[in-house]
């Protein structure tokens, strides 16, 4: 990672970054109408299932984002030559992810194959790092600091790419849902790149933000184009690359909490990876009403998702539901920004005045949003409580586990320190308890709503 202060951004370089933003936005925005016409001409049409009129919408619009990223990357190769190796690897990663997504759009790959192929995409970054073409640093945790995972972490890189691409892919289905939440997430990563002082994070966040913004203008309600898997996997790959190359892995996980929770609910309730069309045919999480309102399914075996959880308090129209998903991602962004400061203070002296100001600002924002959007108060509190519990857990791990002199678990091809293994295992019961609480909360809301209407 090259620090922003190390490259001493001049006014000219700042001007280049502004040009980068407008270039990425312009390529994506102006190529979109041609892609829409091309997809319709080829018959690559999706049905907007959350409207009773069932309008036909052009599919695979995410192709424009791939073109936008490639165009912006050529600009970067000319004016930011110090990052040429990283730019090449990221371009190849986006291209491979887009190719997998396009294949899935056309021939509908089984979910397990799609997961396997995205794992293969992550191997590109792994081998580039293994042979020294690029340098992926160990992740830095709030409070604990940089973890010494010299052997383990590089092996986990393909898994990280797979997790990010597929979690973004799973939170998609409503107009502007996936592109809007990813736009917010990348915007937060851009801010956190400045806080943590990472040039790679800053540059690739600016390019990704401009591209997703241009696409969002066509994808928001009422959608003129769907991203398709080529779009969702590409956006997930962009976020994964920003996280890996900018040392923002933990920040990215926090800002994508809505995506991660949705994926967790989805996988647990589906009992594995299945193609969405196969699941929704028999276990749809929502029900479309005659007036275009959407309500949560009350079937016991229905798929459990974040939209279903939000709808447990009553039906909403599609734009309202998407707005709540955007707000939840926005609120997670504040937690991510606070975590970015914690990471910076892990290596520097803590500015307690700034910490208190941040806490007050975050509390004020949350209270304001609770007042404006009472439907998501409980969900937001659940996320904050889980975040606080994880921070407390990090403090306990730092004080009592990391410092222990323990042996390593020898698996033959890899050795895992026992203190790291214990730290990871501590998270599992917390996640399971949180899931049980969420399920109970959902059914309590359903019963409460039914009692009020009866």
Foldseek 3Di string as FASTA:
>chain_A
DQFPVNVPQDPVNVVLLVVLLVQLLVQLQVCQVVQQVVQVVVVLWDFLVLDPVRDIAREQSLVSNLVSLVRSLVSCCVVVVVCVLLSVLLNQLLVQQLVLQVVCSVPNDWQVVSLVSLLVSQVSVLVCCVVPSDPFAAAAFQQQGGDPCVPNVSVCRSVLLSLLLVLLVLQDRFQLQSLLLLLLLLVLQLVLCVLLRFPLLNSLSSSLNSNSVSCSVQRHPVHNYYNGSSNSNSSSSSLSSSCRRRSLSVLSCLLCVLSNVQVVQQCVLVVHGGRPVVQCVPAAQWDQDPVSWIAGDPDPSHRDGPLNLLRLLHTDHRNVSSVVSSVLSNLSSLVSSLRSLSNNCSVPPDDVVVNVVSVVVSVVVLVVCCVVPVSCNVVSVLSVVLSVVVVVLVVCLSPPQPPDDAAWDCPPVDTHGVSVVVSVVVVVVVVVVSVVVSVVSSVVSNVVNVVVVD
